[in-house]
Structure formats: structure tokens, C-alpha cells
Amino acid sequence: MASANASGSEENFSCCICLDVFNSPVSTPCGHNFCRT
């Protein structure tokens, strides 16, 4: 498994709603990811 540093910047691991690192991320049918809450 790749490390977090190799996977990209902080933007790739941030929820566009809360603008924080994903917490329990879920995917919608269109392929986008958000925190479940």
C-alpha cells in the first residue's frame, strides 16, 4: 500500500464540504467522496 505522502497533497484527502481530512469517507454513484456525516 502506498504511503500517504506518496498519494498526493492534503487537497486529495480533504472533504469539499468540511474542508478537513476525510473522516469515514463514502463514495456517491457519480464517484465523488465525502465524509459520511
Full PDB file with SEQRES, HELIX, SHEET, SSBOND, CRYST1, ORIGX, SCALE, CONECT and MASTER records, all heavy atoms in Angstrom:
SEQRES   1 A   37  MET ALA SER ALA ASN ALA SER GLY SER GLU GLU ASN PHE          
SEQRES   2 A   37  SER CYS CYS ILE CYS LEU ASP VAL PHE ASN SER PRO VAL          
SEQRES   3 A   37  SER THR PRO CYS GLY HIS ASN PHE CYS ARG THR                  
HELIX    1 AA1 ALA A    4  SER A    7  1                                   4    
HELIX    2 AA2 GLU A   10  PHE A   13  5                                   4    
SHEET    1 AA1 2 PRO A  25  SER A  27  0                                        
SHEET    2 AA1 2 ASN A  33  CYS A  35 -1                                        
CRYST1    1.000    1.000    1.000  90.00  90.00  90.00 P 1           1          
ORIGX1      1.000000  0.000000  0.000000        0.00000                         
ORIGX2      0.000000  1.000000  0.000000        0.00000                         
ORIGX3      0.000000  0.000000  1.000000        0.00000                         
SCALE1      1.000000  0.000000  0.000000        0.00000                         
SCALE2      0.000000  1.000000  0.000000        0.00000                         
SCALE3      0.000000  0.000000  1.000000        0.00000                         
ATOM      1  N   MET A   1       0.857  -1.210   0.000  1.00  0.00           N  
ATOM      2  CA  MET A   1       0.000   0.000   0.000  1.00  0.00           C  
ATOM      3  C   MET A   1       0.875   1.235   0.000  1.00  0.00           C  
ATOM      4  O   MET A   1       1.859   1.313   0.733  1.00  0.00           O  
ATOM      5  CB  MET A   1      -0.910  -0.010   1.231  1.00  0.00           C  
ATOM      6  CG  MET A   1      -1.869   1.185   1.260  1.00  0.00           C  
ATOM      7  SD  MET A   1      -2.930   1.138   2.691  1.00  0.00           S  
ATOM      8  CE  MET A   1      -3.919  -0.291   2.299  1.00  0.00           C  
ATOM      9  N   ALA A   2       0.539   2.182  -0.807  1.00  0.00           N  
ATOM     10  CA  ALA A   2       1.326   3.419  -0.891  1.00  0.00           C  
ATOM     11  C   ALA A   2       1.152   4.247   0.364  1.00  0.00           C  
ATOM     12  O   ALA A   2       0.119   4.195   1.020  1.00  0.00           O  
ATOM     13  CB  ALA A   2       0.907   4.210  -2.130  1.00  0.00           C  
ATOM     14  N   SER A   3       2.162   5.029   0.702  1.00  0.00           N  
ATOM     15  CA  SER A   3       2.084   5.900   1.882  1.00  0.00           C  
ATOM     16  C   SER A   3       1.241   7.121   1.570  1.00  0.00           C  
ATOM     17  O   SER A   3       0.998   7.468   0.423  1.00  0.00           O  
ATOM     18  CB  SER A   3       3.492   6.339   2.313  1.00  0.00           C  
ATOM     19  OG  SER A   3       4.058   7.151   1.319  1.00  0.00           O  
ATOM     20  N   ALA A   4       0.853   7.786   2.621  1.00  0.00           N  
ATOM     21  CA  ALA A   4       0.005   8.971   2.442  1.00  0.00           C  
ATOM     22  C   ALA A   4       0.762  10.062   1.733  1.00  0.00           C  
ATOM     23  O   ALA A   4       0.208  10.786   0.906  1.00  0.00           O  
ATOM     24  CB  ALA A   4      -0.483   9.464   3.805  1.00  0.00           C  
ATOM     25  N   ASN A   5       2.063  10.195   1.996  1.00  0.00           N  
ATOM     26  CA  ASN A   5       2.845  11.242   1.346  1.00  0.00           C  
ATOM     27  C   ASN A   5       2.956  11.004  -0.140  1.00  0.00           C  
ATOM     28  O   ASN A   5       3.056  11.926  -0.924  1.00  0.00           O  
ATOM     29  CB  ASN A   5       4.246  11.307   1.958  1.00  0.00           C  
ATOM     30  CG  ASN A   5       4.214  11.887   3.363  1.00  0.00           C  
ATOM     31  OD1 ASN A   5       3.294  12.603   3.696  1.00  0.00           O  
ATOM     32  ND2 ASN A   5       5.203  11.538   4.177  1.00  0.00           N  
ATOM     33  N   ALA A   6       2.949   9.732  -0.541  1.00  0.00           N  
ATOM     34  CA  ALA A   6       3.086   9.418  -1.966  1.00  0.00           C  
ATOM     35  C   ALA A   6       1.771   9.517  -2.686  1.00  0.00           C  
ATOM     36  O   ALA A   6       1.717   9.463  -3.903  1.00  0.00           O  
ATOM     37  CB  ALA A   6       3.669   8.018  -2.131  1.00  0.00           C  
ATOM     38  N   SER A   7       0.704   9.613  -2.005  1.00  0.00           N  
ATOM     39  CA  SER A   7      -0.621   9.598  -2.631  1.00  0.00           C  
ATOM     40  C   SER A   7      -1.060  10.971  -3.070  1.00  0.00           C  
ATOM     41  O   SER A   7      -2.044  11.106  -3.787  1.00  0.00           O  
ATOM     42  CB  SER A   7      -1.657   9.019  -1.655  1.00  0.00           C  
ATOM     43  OG  SER A   7      -1.289   7.704  -1.321  1.00  0.00           O  
ATOM     44  N   GLY A   8      -0.426  11.995  -2.651  1.00  0.00           N  
ATOM     45  CA  GLY A   8      -0.804  13.340  -3.083  1.00  0.00           C  
ATOM     46  C   GLY A   8      -0.784  14.327  -1.953  1.00  0.00           C  
ATOM     47  O   GLY A   8      -0.362  14.031  -0.840  1.00  0.00           O  
ATOM     48  N   SER A   9      -1.276  15.516  -2.266  1.00  0.00           N  
ATOM     49  CA  SER A   9      -1.282  16.594  -1.275  1.00  0.00           C  
ATOM     50  C   SER A   9      -2.497  16.477  -0.369  1.00  0.00           C  
ATOM     51  O   SER A   9      -3.341  15.602  -0.535  1.00  0.00           O  
ATOM     52  CB  SER A   9      -1.281  17.947  -1.985  1.00  0.00           C  
ATOM     53  OG  SER A   9      -2.482  18.088  -2.727  1.00  0.00           O  
ATOM     54  N   GLU A  10      -2.601  17.448   0.568  1.00  0.00           N  
ATOM     55  CA  GLU A  10      -3.706  17.433   1.525  1.00  0.00           C  
ATOM     56  C   GLU A  10      -5.048  17.626   0.837  1.00  0.00           C  
ATOM     57  O   GLU A  10      -6.072  17.129   1.313  1.00  0.00           O  
ATOM     58  CB  GLU A  10      -3.485  18.548   2.567  1.00  0.00           C  
ATOM     59  CG  GLU A  10      -4.516  18.564   3.682  1.00  0.00           C  
ATOM     60  CD  GLU A  10      -4.192  19.599   4.736  1.00  0.00           C  
ATOM     61  OE1 GLU A  10      -3.101  20.207   4.667  1.00  0.00           O  
ATOM     62  OE2 GLU A  10      -5.040  19.791   5.631  1.00  0.00           O  
ATOM     63  N   GLU A  11      -5.071  18.283  -0.340  1.00  0.00           N  
ATOM     64  CA  GLU A  11      -6.334  18.501  -1.048  1.00  0.00           C  
ATOM     65  C   GLU A  11      -6.969  17.183  -1.467  1.00  0.00           C  
ATOM     66  O   GLU A  11      -8.193  17.060  -1.547  1.00  0.00           O  
ATOM     67  CB  GLU A  11      -6.086  19.383  -2.279  1.00  0.00           C  
ATOM     68  CG  GLU A  11      -5.615  20.798  -1.939  1.00  0.00           C  
ATOM     69  CD  GLU A  11      -5.361  21.614  -3.181  1.00  0.00           C  
ATOM     70  OE1 GLU A  11      -5.502  21.050  -4.286  1.00  0.00           O  
ATOM     71  OE2 GLU A  11      -5.032  22.811  -3.054  1.00  0.00           O  
ATOM     72  N   ASN A  12      -6.129  16.171  -1.794  1.00  0.00           N  
ATOM     73  CA  ASN A  12      -6.657  14.872  -2.227  1.00  0.00           C  
ATOM     74  C   ASN A  12      -7.304  14.102  -1.103  1.00  0.00           C  
ATOM     75  O   ASN A  12      -7.992  13.101  -1.339  1.00  0.00           O  
ATOM     76  CB  ASN A  12      -5.541  14.019  -2.841  1.00  0.00           C  
ATOM     77  CG  ASN A  12      -4.960  14.665  -4.085  1.00  0.00           C  
ATOM     78  OD1 ASN A  12      -5.675  15.313  -4.839  1.00  0.00           O  
ATOM     79  ND2 ASN A  12      -3.660  14.498  -4.292  1.00  0.00           N  
ATOM     80  N   PHE A  13      -7.080  14.524   0.146  1.00  0.00           N  
ATOM     81  CA  PHE A  13      -7.638  13.809   1.288  1.00  0.00           C  
ATOM     82  C   PHE A  13      -8.581  14.703   2.087  1.00  0.00           C  
ATOM     83  O   PHE A  13      -8.828  14.459   3.257  1.00  0.00           O  
ATOM     84  CB  PHE A  13      -6.507  13.305   2.192  1.00  0.00           C  
ATOM     85  CG  PHE A  13      -5.574  12.340   1.515  1.00  0.00           C  
ATOM     86  CD1 PHE A  13      -4.385  12.779   0.945  1.00  0.00           C  
ATOM     87  CD2 PHE A  13      -5.897  10.990   1.421  1.00  0.00           C  
ATOM     88  CE1 PHE A  13      -3.533  11.890   0.311  1.00  0.00           C  
ATOM     89  CE2 PHE A  13      -5.036  10.103   0.785  1.00  0.00           C  
ATOM     90  CZ  PHE A  13      -3.858  10.545   0.230  1.00  0.00           C  
ATOM     91  N   SER A  14      -9.119  15.718   1.435  1.00  0.00           N  
ATOM     92  CA  SER A  14      -9.995  16.662   2.130  1.00  0.00           C  
ATOM     93  C   SER A  14     -11.407  16.574   1.584  1.00  0.00           C  
ATOM     94  O   SER A  14     -11.619  16.462   0.373  1.00  0.00           O  
ATOM     95  CB  SER A  14      -9.474  18.098   1.983  1.00  0.00           C  
ATOM     96  OG  SER A  14      -8.187  18.205   2.544  1.00  0.00           O  
ATOM     97  N   CYS A  15     -12.370  16.668   2.488  1.00  0.00           N  
ATOM     98  CA  CYS A  15     -13.792  16.711   2.135  1.00  0.00           C  
ATOM     99  C   CYS A  15     -14.121  18.119   1.659  1.00  0.00           C  
ATOM    100  O   CYS A  15     -13.758  19.106   2.317  1.00  0.00           O  
ATOM    101  CB  CYS A  15     -14.637  16.314   3.340  1.00  0.00           C  
ATOM    102  SG  CYS A  15     -16.408  16.549   3.105  1.00  0.00           S  
ATOM    103  N   CYS A  16     -14.817  18.231   0.514  1.00  0.00           N  
ATOM    104  CA  CYS A  16     -15.133  19.563  -0.020  1.00  0.00           C  
ATOM    105  C   CYS A  16     -16.214  20.277   0.767  1.00  0.00           C  
ATOM    106  O   CYS A  16     -16.468  21.460   0.541  1.00  0.00           O  
ATOM    107  CB  CYS A  16     -15.538  19.439  -1.497  1.00  0.00           C  
ATOM    108  SG  CYS A  16     -17.111  18.574  -1.735  1.00  0.00           S  
ATOM    109  N   ILE A  17     -16.849  19.559   1.682  1.00  0.00           N  
ATOM    110  CA  ILE A  17     -17.905  20.195   2.495  1.00  0.00           C  
ATOM    111  C   ILE A  17     -17.308  20.805   3.765  1.00  0.00           C  
ATOM    112  O   ILE A  17     -17.508  21.988   4.056  1.00  0.00           O  
ATOM    113  CB  ILE A  17     -19.020  19.182   2.836  1.00  0.00           C  
ATOM    114  CG1 ILE A  17     -19.701  18.706   1.547  1.00  0.00           C  
ATOM    115  CG2 ILE A  17     -20.039  19.813   3.779  1.00  0.00           C  
ATOM    116  CD1 ILE A  17     -20.780  17.676   1.775  1.00  0.00           C  
ATOM    117  N   CYS A  18     -16.567  19.997   4.544  1.00  0.00           N  
ATOM    118  CA  CYS A  18     -15.991  20.492   5.798  1.00  0.00           C  
ATOM    119  C   CYS A  18     -14.569  20.998   5.624  1.00  0.00           C  
ATOM    120  O   CYS A  18     -13.993  21.587   6.551  1.00  0.00           O  
ATOM    121  CB  CYS A  18     -16.031  19.416   6.873  1.00  0.00           C  
ATOM    122  SG  CYS A  18     -14.994  17.981   6.508  1.00  0.00           S  
ATOM    123  N   LEU A  19     -13.948  20.734   4.426  1.00  0.00           N  
ATOM    124  CA  LEU A  19     -12.589  21.183   4.111  1.00  0.00           C  
ATOM    125  C   LEU A  19     -11.554  20.621   5.071  1.00  0.00           C  
ATOM    126  O   LEU A  19     -10.493  21.217   5.289  1.00  0.00           O  
ATOM    127  CB  LEU A  19     -12.511  22.717   4.110  1.00  0.00           C  
ATOM    128  CG  LEU A  19     -13.472  23.432   3.145  1.00  0.00           C  
ATOM    129  CD1 LEU A  19     -13.306  24.941   3.265  1.00  0.00           C  
ATOM    130  CD2 LEU A  19     -13.253  22.968   1.723  1.00  0.00           C  
ATOM    131  N   ASP A  20     -11.853  19.478   5.659  1.00  0.00           N  
ATOM    132  CA  ASP A  20     -10.923  18.820   6.571  1.00  0.00           C  
ATOM    133  C   ASP A  20     -10.577  17.445   6.014  1.00  0.00           C  
ATOM    134  O   ASP A  20     -11.200  16.976   5.049  1.00  0.00           O  
ATOM    135  CB  ASP A  20     -11.550  18.697   7.966  1.00  0.00           C  
ATOM    136  CG  ASP A  20     -10.490  18.507   9.042  1.00  0.00           C  
ATOM    137  OD1 ASP A  20      -9.307  18.372   8.678  1.00  0.00           O  
ATOM    138  OD2 ASP A  20     -10.847  18.492  10.237  1.00  0.00           O  
ATOM    139  N   VAL A  21      -9.584  16.767   6.582  1.00  0.00           N  
ATOM    140  CA  VAL A  21      -9.217  15.418   6.137  1.00  0.00           C  
ATOM    141  C   VAL A  21     -10.415  14.495   6.335  1.00  0.00           C  
ATOM    142  O   VAL A  21     -11.143  14.590   7.333  1.00  0.00           O  
ATOM    143  CB  VAL A  21      -7.993  14.909   6.911  1.00  0.00           C  
ATOM    144  CG1 VAL A  21      -7.629  13.492   6.467  1.00  0.00           C  
ATOM    145  CG2 VAL A  21      -6.807  15.847   6.699  1.00  0.00           C  
ATOM    146  N   PHE A  22     -10.617  13.607   5.367  1.00  0.00           N  
ATOM    147  CA  PHE A  22     -11.773  12.704   5.391  1.00  0.00           C  
ATOM    148  C   PHE A  22     -11.882  11.977   6.721  1.00  0.00           C  
ATOM    149  O   PHE A  22     -10.891  11.503   7.283  1.00  0.00           O  
ATOM    150  CB  PHE A  22     -11.668  11.664   4.274  1.00  0.00           C  
ATOM    151  CG  PHE A  22     -11.960  12.226   2.906  1.00  0.00           C  
ATOM    152  CD1 PHE A  22     -11.007  12.166   1.896  1.00  0.00           C  
ATOM    153  CD2 PHE A  22     -13.199  12.791   2.622  1.00  0.00           C  
ATOM    154  CE1 PHE A  22     -11.279  12.672   0.638  1.00  0.00           C  
ATOM    155  CE2 PHE A  22     -13.471  13.288   1.359  1.00  0.00           C  
ATOM    156  CZ  PHE A  22     -12.514  13.242   0.366  1.00  0.00           C  
ATOM    157  N   ASN A  23     -13.143  11.890   7.179  1.00  0.00           N  
ATOM    158  CA  ASN A  23     -13.465  11.094   8.364  1.00  0.00           C  
ATOM    159  C   ASN A  23     -14.604  10.156   7.971  1.00  0.00           C  
ATOM    160  O   ASN A  23     -15.716  10.608   7.686  1.00  0.00           O  
ATOM    161  CB  ASN A  23     -13.880  12.010   9.524  1.00  0.00           C  
ATOM    162  CG  ASN A  23     -14.134  11.232  10.796  1.00  0.00           C  
ATOM    163  OD1 ASN A  23     -13.716  10.079  10.919  1.00  0.00           O  
ATOM    164  ND2 ASN A  23     -14.844  11.856  11.735  1.00  0.00           N  
ATOM    165  N   SER A  24     -14.301   8.851   7.902  1.00  0.00           N  
ATOM    166  CA  SER A  24     -15.269   7.846   7.411  1.00  0.00           C  
ATOM    167  C   SER A  24     -15.754   8.236   6.019  1.00  0.00           C  
ATOM    168  O   SER A  24     -16.953   8.502   5.804  1.00  0.00           O  
ATOM    169  CB  SER A  24     -16.452   7.709   8.375  1.00  0.00           C  
ATOM    170  OG  SER A  24     -16.006   7.283   9.647  1.00  0.00           O  
ATOM    171  N   PRO A  25     -14.844   8.291   5.026  1.00  0.00           N  
ATOM    172  CA  PRO A  25     -15.238   8.727   3.680  1.00  0.00           C  
ATOM    173  C   PRO A  25     -16.166   7.719   2.992  1.00  0.00           C  
ATOM    174  O   PRO A  25     -15.991   6.503   3.113  1.00  0.00           O  
ATOM    175  CB  PRO A  25     -13.908   8.847   2.963  1.00  0.00           C  
ATOM    176  CG  PRO A  25     -12.996   7.905   3.666  1.00  0.00           C  
ATOM    177  CD  PRO A  25     -13.419   7.903   5.091  1.00  0.00           C  
ATOM    178  N   VAL A  26     -17.154   8.246   2.253  1.00  0.00           N  
ATOM    179  CA  VAL A  26     -18.084   7.437   1.459  1.00  0.00           C  
ATOM    180  C   VAL A  26     -18.070   7.965   0.032  1.00  0.00           C  
ATOM    181  O   VAL A  26     -17.757   9.136  -0.205  1.00  0.00           O  
ATOM    182  CB  VAL A  26     -19.509   7.472   2.049  1.00  0.00           C  
ATOM    183  CG1 VAL A  26     -19.550   6.806   3.426  1.00  0.00           C  
ATOM    184  CG2 VAL A  26     -20.024   8.910   2.133  1.00  0.00           C  
ATOM    185  N   SER A  27     -18.441   7.095  -0.945  1.00  0.00           N  
ATOM    186  CA  SER A  27     -18.460   7.475  -2.362  1.00  0.00           C  
ATOM    187  C   SER A  27     -19.885   7.500  -2.870  1.00  0.00           C  
ATOM    188  O   SER A  27     -20.714   6.639  -2.530  1.00  0.00           O  
ATOM    189  CB  SER A  27     -17.640   6.483  -3.191  1.00  0.00           C  
ATOM    190  OG  SER A  27     -16.296   6.451  -2.761  1.00  0.00           O  
ATOM    191  N   THR A  28     -20.210   8.513  -3.672  1.00  0.00           N  
ATOM    192  CA  THR A  28     -21.533   8.618  -4.299  1.00  0.00           C  
ATOM    193  C   THR A  28     -21.519   7.855  -5.623  1.00  0.00           C  
ATOM    194  O   THR A  28     -20.443   7.528  -6.146  1.00  0.00           O  
ATOM    195  CB  THR A  28     -21.864  10.100  -4.541  1.00  0.00           C  
ATOM    196  OG1 THR A  28     -20.871  10.659  -5.394  1.00  0.00           O  
ATOM    197  CG2 THR A  28     -21.896  10.869  -3.223  1.00  0.00           C  
ATOM    198  N   PRO A  29     -22.680   7.591  -6.218  1.00  0.00           N  
ATOM    199  CA  PRO A  29     -22.713   6.878  -7.506  1.00  0.00           C  
ATOM    200  C   PRO A  29     -21.950   7.597  -8.611  1.00  0.00           C  
ATOM    201  O   PRO A  29     -21.489   6.959  -9.556  1.00  0.00           O  
ATOM    202  CB  PRO A  29     -24.214   6.817  -7.809  1.00  0.00           C  
ATOM    203  CG  PRO A  29     -24.867   6.824  -6.473  1.00  0.00           C  
ATOM    204  CD  PRO A  29     -24.031   7.725  -5.628  1.00  0.00           C  
ATOM    205  N   CYS A  30     -21.769   8.921  -8.480  1.00  0.00           N  
ATOM    206  CA  CYS A  30     -21.021   9.658  -9.500  1.00  0.00           C  
ATOM    207  C   CYS A  30     -19.516   9.568  -9.290  1.00  0.00           C  
ATOM    208  O   CYS A  30     -18.735  10.128 -10.078  1.00  0.00           O  
ATOM    209  CB  CYS A  30     -21.482  11.106  -9.559  1.00  0.00           C  
ATOM    210  SG  CYS A  30     -21.273  11.993  -8.002  1.00  0.00           S  
ATOM    211  N   GLY A  31     -19.050   8.936  -8.213  1.00  0.00           N  
ATOM    212  CA  GLY A  31     -17.634   8.724  -7.978  1.00  0.00           C  
ATOM    213  C   GLY A  31     -16.947   9.730  -7.073  1.00  0.00           C  
ATOM    214  O   GLY A  31     -15.730   9.646  -6.874  1.00  0.00           O  
ATOM    215  N   HIS A  32     -17.673  10.687  -6.519  1.00  0.00           N  
ATOM    216  CA  HIS A  32     -17.059  11.667  -5.619  1.00  0.00           C  
ATOM    217  C   HIS A  32     -17.144  11.196  -4.168  1.00  0.00           C  
ATOM    218  O   HIS A  32     -18.049  10.431  -3.813  1.00  0.00           O  
ATOM    219  CB  HIS A  32     -17.726  13.033  -5.782  1.00  0.00           C  
ATOM    220  CG  HIS A  32     -17.503  13.631  -7.138  1.00  0.00           C  
ATOM    221  ND1 HIS A  32     -18.537  13.989  -7.985  1.00  0.00           N  
ATOM    222  CD2 HIS A  32     -16.350  13.921  -7.801  1.00  0.00           C  
ATOM    223  CE1 HIS A  32     -18.041  14.480  -9.110  1.00  0.00           C  
ATOM    224  NE2 HIS A  32     -16.696  14.431  -9.026  1.00  0.00           N  
ATOM    225  N   ASN A  33     -16.201  11.705  -3.360  1.00  0.00           N  
ATOM    226  CA  ASN A  33     -16.073  11.236  -1.970  1.00  0.00           C  
ATOM    227  C   ASN A  33     -16.349  12.377  -0.987  1.00  0.00           C  
ATOM    228  O   ASN A  33     -15.935  13.526  -1.208  1.00  0.00           O  
ATOM    229  CB  ASN A  33     -14.667  10.689  -1.741  1.00  0.00           C  
ATOM    230  CG  ASN A  33     -14.333   9.532  -2.664  1.00  0.00           C  
ATOM    231  OD1 ASN A  33     -14.984   8.496  -2.622  1.00  0.00           O  
ATOM    232  ND2 ASN A  33     -13.321   9.723  -3.517  1.00  0.00           N  
ATOM    233  N   PHE A  34     -17.003  12.013   0.127  1.00  0.00           N  
ATOM    234  CA  PHE A  34     -17.335  12.969   1.187  1.00  0.00           C  
ATOM    235  C   PHE A  34     -17.276  12.250   2.523  1.00  0.00           C  
ATOM    236  O   PHE A  34     -17.352  11.010   2.588  1.00  0.00           O  
ATOM    237  CB  PHE A  34     -18.747  13.546   0.989  1.00  0.00           C  
ATOM    238  CG  PHE A  34     -18.974  14.145  -0.374  1.00  0.00           C  
ATOM    239  CD1 PHE A  34     -19.561  13.384  -1.377  1.00  0.00           C  
ATOM    240  CD2 PHE A  34     -18.610  15.446  -0.645  1.00  0.00           C  
ATOM    241  CE1 PHE A  34     -19.771  13.928  -2.629  1.00  0.00           C  
ATOM    242  CE2 PHE A  34     -18.823  15.996  -1.905  1.00  0.00           C  
ATOM    243  CZ  PHE A  34     -19.403  15.230  -2.904  1.00  0.00           C  
ATOM    244  N   CYS A  35     -17.166  13.032   3.592  1.00  0.00           N  
ATOM    245  CA  CYS A  35     -17.320  12.456   4.931  1.00  0.00           C  
ATOM    246  C   CYS A  35     -18.775  11.987   5.061  1.00  0.00           C  
ATOM    247  O   CYS A  35     -19.710  12.654   4.588  1.00  0.00           O  
ATOM    248  CB  CYS A  35     -17.011  13.484   6.021  1.00  0.00           C  
ATOM    249  SG  CYS A  35     -15.307  14.052   6.030  1.00  0.00           S  
ATOM    250  N   ARG A  36     -18.968  10.798   5.704  1.00  0.00           N  
ATOM    251  CA  ARG A  36     -20.326  10.279   5.843  1.00  0.00           C  
ATOM    252  C   ARG A  36     -21.216  11.311   6.539  1.00  0.00           C  
ATOM    253  O   ARG A  36     -22.347  11.559   6.108  1.00  0.00           O  
ATOM    254  CB  ARG A  36     -20.298   8.974   6.647  1.00  0.00           C  
ATOM    255  CG  ARG A  36     -21.712   8.411   6.928  1.00  0.00           C  
ATOM    256  CD  ARG A  36     -21.664   7.278   7.925  1.00  0.00           C  
ATOM    257  NE  ARG A  36     -21.103   6.079   7.327  1.00  0.00           N  
ATOM    258  CZ  ARG A  36     -21.839   5.178   6.620  1.00  0.00           C  
ATOM    259  NH1 ARG A  36     -23.125   5.397   6.439  1.00  0.00           N  
ATOM    260  NH2 ARG A  36     -21.284   4.114   6.128  1.00  0.00           N  
ATOM    261  N   THR A  37     -20.730  11.898   7.602  1.00  0.00           N  
ATOM    262  CA  THR A  37     -21.546  12.853   8.366  1.00  0.00           C  
ATOM    263  C   THR A  37     -21.874  14.080   7.528  1.00  0.00           C  
ATOM    264  O   THR A  37     -23.010  14.582   7.553  1.00  0.00           O  
ATOM    265  CB  THR A  37     -20.799  13.281   9.632  1.00  0.00           C  
ATOM    266  OG1 THR A  37     -20.472  12.126  10.407  1.00  0.00           O  
ATOM    267  CG2 THR A  37     -21.636  14.219  10.488  1.00  0.00           C  
TER     268      THR A  37                                                      
MASTER        0    0    0    2    2    0    0    6  267    1    0    3          
END                                                                             
